[in-house]
C-alpha atoms as a PDB file:
ATOM      1  CA  MET A   1     -35.142  18.585  20.426  1.00  0.00           C
ATOM      2  CA  THR A   2     -35.657  21.074  22.976  1.00  0.00           C
ATOM      3  CA  THR A   3     -33.265  22.725  25.399  1.00  0.00           C
ATOM      4  CA  LEU A   4     -34.383  20.709  28.186  1.00  0.00           C
ATOM      5  CA  ASN A   5     -33.729  17.337  26.530  1.00  0.00           C
ATOM      6  CA  VAL A   6     -30.102  18.465  25.390  1.00  0.00           C
ATOM      7  CA  VAL A   7     -29.647  18.969  29.143  1.00  0.00           C
ATOM      8  CA  PHE A   8     -30.723  15.805  30.291  1.00  0.00           C
ATOM      9  CA  LEU A   9     -28.967  13.759  27.636  1.00  0.00           C
ATOM     10  CA  ALA A  10     -25.596  15.609  28.600  1.00  0.00           C
ATOM     11  CA  ALA A  11     -26.319  14.975  32.097  1.00  0.00           C
ATOM     12  CA  GLN A  12     -26.645  11.127  31.525  1.00  0.00           C
ATOM     13  CA  GLN A  13     -23.231  10.535  29.845  1.00  0.00           C
ATOM     14  CA  PRO A  14     -20.511   9.279  31.995  1.00  0.00           C
ATOM     15  CA  ALA A  15     -17.714  11.667  33.004  1.00  0.00           C
ATOM     16  CA  GLY A  16     -15.225   9.343  32.160  1.00  0.00           C
ATOM     17  CA  GLY A  17     -11.952   9.679  33.451  1.00  0.00           C
ATOM     18  CA  GLY A  18     -12.360   9.041  37.211  1.00  0.00           C
ATOM     19  CA  LEU A  19     -10.289   6.081  37.332  1.00  0.00           C
ATOM     20  CA  SER A  20      -7.479   8.146  35.073  1.00  0.00           C
ATOM     21  CA  PHE A  21      -7.600  10.722  37.575  1.00  0.00           C
ATOM     22  CA  PHE A  22      -6.528   8.366  40.412  1.00  0.00           C
ATOM     23  CA  VAL A  23      -3.741   7.008  38.583  1.00  0.00           C
ATOM     24  CA  MET A  24      -2.386  10.429  37.526  1.00  0.00           C
ATOM     25  CA  MET A  25      -2.614  11.490  41.222  1.00  0.00           C
ATOM     26  CA  ALA A  26      -0.662   8.204  42.290  1.00  0.00           C
ATOM     27  CA  LEU A  27       2.224   8.580  39.530  1.00  0.00           C
ATOM     28  CA  ILE A  28       2.593  12.149  40.629  1.00  0.00           C
ATOM     29  CA  PHE A  29       2.842  11.009  44.359  1.00  0.00           C
ATOM     30  CA  VAL A  30       5.629   8.446  43.130  1.00  0.00           C
ATOM     31  CA  ILE A  31       7.507  11.068  40.932  1.00  0.00           C
ATOM     32  CA  MET A  32       7.455  13.376  44.128  1.00  0.00           C
ATOM     33  CA  TRP A  33       8.207  10.849  46.405  1.00  0.00           C
ATOM     34  CA  PHE A  34      11.575   9.715  43.963  1.00  0.00           C
ATOM     35  CA  PHE A  35      12.623  13.282  43.855  1.00  0.00           C
ATOM     36  CA  MET A  36      11.982  15.234  47.219  1.00  0.00           C
ATOM     37  CA  ILE A  37      10.907  12.814  49.849  1.00  0.00           C
ATOM     38  CA  ARG A  38      13.606   9.797  49.464  1.00  0.00           C
ATOM     39  CA  PRO A  39      16.578  11.965  49.017  1.00  0.00           C
ATOM     40  CA  GLN A  40      16.071  14.109  52.020  1.00  0.00           C
ATOM     41  CA  GLN A  41      15.242  10.822  54.084  1.00  0.00           C
ATOM     42  CA  LYS A  42      18.705   9.447  52.686  1.00  0.00           C
ATOM     43  CA  LYS A  43      20.349  13.048  53.916  1.00  0.00           C
ATOM     44  CA  GLN A  44      18.690  12.823  57.462  1.00  0.00           C
ATOM     45  CA  LYS A  45      20.217   9.293  57.714  1.00  0.00           C
ATOM     46  CA  GLU A  46      23.562  10.511  56.884  1.00  0.00           C
ATOM     47  CA  ILE A  47      23.383  13.379  59.113  1.00  0.00           C
ATOM     48  CA  GLN A  48      22.339  11.119  62.016  1.00  0.00           C
ATOM     49  CA  LYS A  49      25.174   8.604  61.325  1.00  0.00           C
ATOM     50  CA  PHE A  50      27.563  11.142  61.633  1.00  0.00           C
ATOM     51  CA  ARG A  51      26.402  12.662  64.775  1.00  0.00           C
ATOM     52  CA  ASN A  52      26.400   9.171  66.123  1.00  0.00           C
ATOM     53  CA  ALA A  53      30.186   8.658  65.127  1.00  0.00           C
ATOM     54  CA  ILE A  54      31.136  11.895  66.428  1.00  0.00           C
ATOM     55  CA  SER A  55      34.366  11.312  68.944  1.00  0.00           C
ATOM     56  CA  VAL A  56      36.765  13.673  71.070  1.00  0.00           C
ATOM     57  CA  GLY A  57      38.851  15.479  68.748  1.00  0.00           C
ATOM     58  CA  THR A  58      36.234  15.888  65.588  1.00  0.00           C
ATOM     59  CA  GLU A  59      36.147  19.366  64.460  1.00  0.00           C
ATOM     60  CA  VAL A  60      32.473  20.461  63.711  1.00  0.00           C
ATOM     61  CA  VAL A  61      30.488  23.273  62.692  1.00  0.00           C
ATOM     62  CA  THR A  62      27.051  23.923  64.466  1.00  0.00           C
ATOM     63  CA  ALA A  63      23.819  25.202  63.128  1.00  0.00           C
ATOM     64  CA  GLY A  64      24.825  28.742  64.092  1.00  0.00           C
ATOM     65  CA  GLY A  65      28.140  28.512  62.094  1.00  0.00           C
ATOM     66  CA  ILE A  66      30.450  28.164  65.147  1.00  0.00           C
ATOM     67  CA  TYR A  67      33.588  26.084  64.337  1.00  0.00           C
ATOM     68  CA  GLY A  68      34.871  24.007  67.011  1.00  0.00           C
ATOM     69  CA  THR A  69      36.913  20.873  68.166  1.00  0.00           C
ATOM     70  CA  VAL A  70      34.875  18.218  70.327  1.00  0.00           C
ATOM     71  CA  ARG A  71      36.625  18.028  73.518  1.00  0.00           C
ATOM     72  CA  SER A  72      33.992  15.936  75.500  1.00  0.00           C
ATOM     73  CA  ILE A  73      31.011  14.117  74.983  1.00  0.00           C
ATOM     74  CA  LYS A  74      28.071  14.412  77.394  1.00  0.00           C
ATOM     75  CA  ASP A  75      25.963  11.225  76.516  1.00  0.00           C
ATOM     76  CA  GLU A  76      23.544  11.810  79.100  1.00  0.00           C
ATOM     77  CA  LYS A  77      22.394  15.343  78.282  1.00  0.00           C
ATOM     78  CA  ASN A  78      22.999  14.339  74.664  1.00  0.00           C
ATOM     79  CA  ALA A  79      25.278  17.365  74.336  1.00  0.00           C
ATOM     80  CA  LEU A  80      28.905  18.126  73.140  1.00  0.00           C
ATOM     81  CA  GLU A  81      31.374  20.183  74.874  1.00  0.00           C
ATOM     82  CA  ILE A  82      33.560  22.194  72.096  1.00  0.00           C
ATOM     83  CA  GLU A  83      36.479  24.409  72.036  1.00  0.00           C
ATOM     84  CA  VAL A  84      36.067  27.327  69.803  1.00  0.00           C
ATOM     85  CA  ALA A  85      39.169  28.980  70.787  1.00  0.00           C
ATOM     86  CA  ASN A  86      42.094  28.354  73.089  1.00  0.00           C
ATOM     87  CA  GLY A  87      40.474  27.978  76.768  1.00  0.00           C
ATOM     88  CA  VAL A  88      37.082  28.520  75.495  1.00  0.00           C
ATOM     89  CA  LYS A  89      34.659  25.939  75.529  1.00  0.00           C
ATOM     90  CA  ILE A  90      30.811  25.878  75.054  1.00  0.00           C
ATOM     91  CA  VAL A  91      28.186  23.004  75.595  1.00  0.00           C
ATOM     92  CA  VAL A  92      26.185  22.591  72.517  1.00  0.00           C
ATOM     93  CA  ASP A  93      23.217  19.970  71.741  1.00  0.00           C
ATOM     94  CA  ARG A  94      24.384  17.007  69.528  1.00  0.00           C
ATOM     95  CA  ASN A  95      21.647  17.699  67.102  1.00  0.00           C
ATOM     96  CA  SER A  96      22.791  21.241  66.332  1.00  0.00           C
ATOM     97  CA  VAL A  97      25.970  19.811  64.827  1.00  0.00           C
ATOM     98  CA  TYR A  98      25.483  19.359  60.911  1.00  0.00           C
ATOM     99  CA  ALA A  99      29.046  18.771  59.438  1.00  0.00           C
ATOM    100  CA  THR A 100      32.928  18.489  59.756  1.00  0.00           C
ATOM    101  CA  VAL A 101      34.995  21.421  59.159  1.00  0.00           C
ATOM    102  CA  PRO A 102      36.818  21.478  55.592  1.00  0.00           C
ATOM    103  CA  THR A 103      40.389  21.573  55.883  1.00  0.00           C
ATOM    104  CA  ASP A 104      40.994  24.811  54.332  1.00  0.00           C
ATOM    105  CA  VAL A 105      38.648  26.717  56.708  1.00  0.00           C
ATOM    106  CA  ARG A 106      40.873  26.017  59.946  1.00  0.00           C
END
């Protein structure tokens, strides 16, 4: 057998694993969805639920780390007026509020 015949025979054999590659990629995507994407979506829903439930008097922390108490809600601007110290109020976007203040901080 010559070298040309060996190369020709090797090229004719099926690659195999074409379907198994797609199955493996689908399996990797499903695993990634369960461990990364799904928990992040659940966390985002919880944060949005918290933001929608904010009322006057709720103690919050902004994305910038500012602690304060909600004094008024401005729905038309999607903003909150937060009192950060006695008589000192700031207006922040509702989407910049992330958590309630733990009781041991204040």
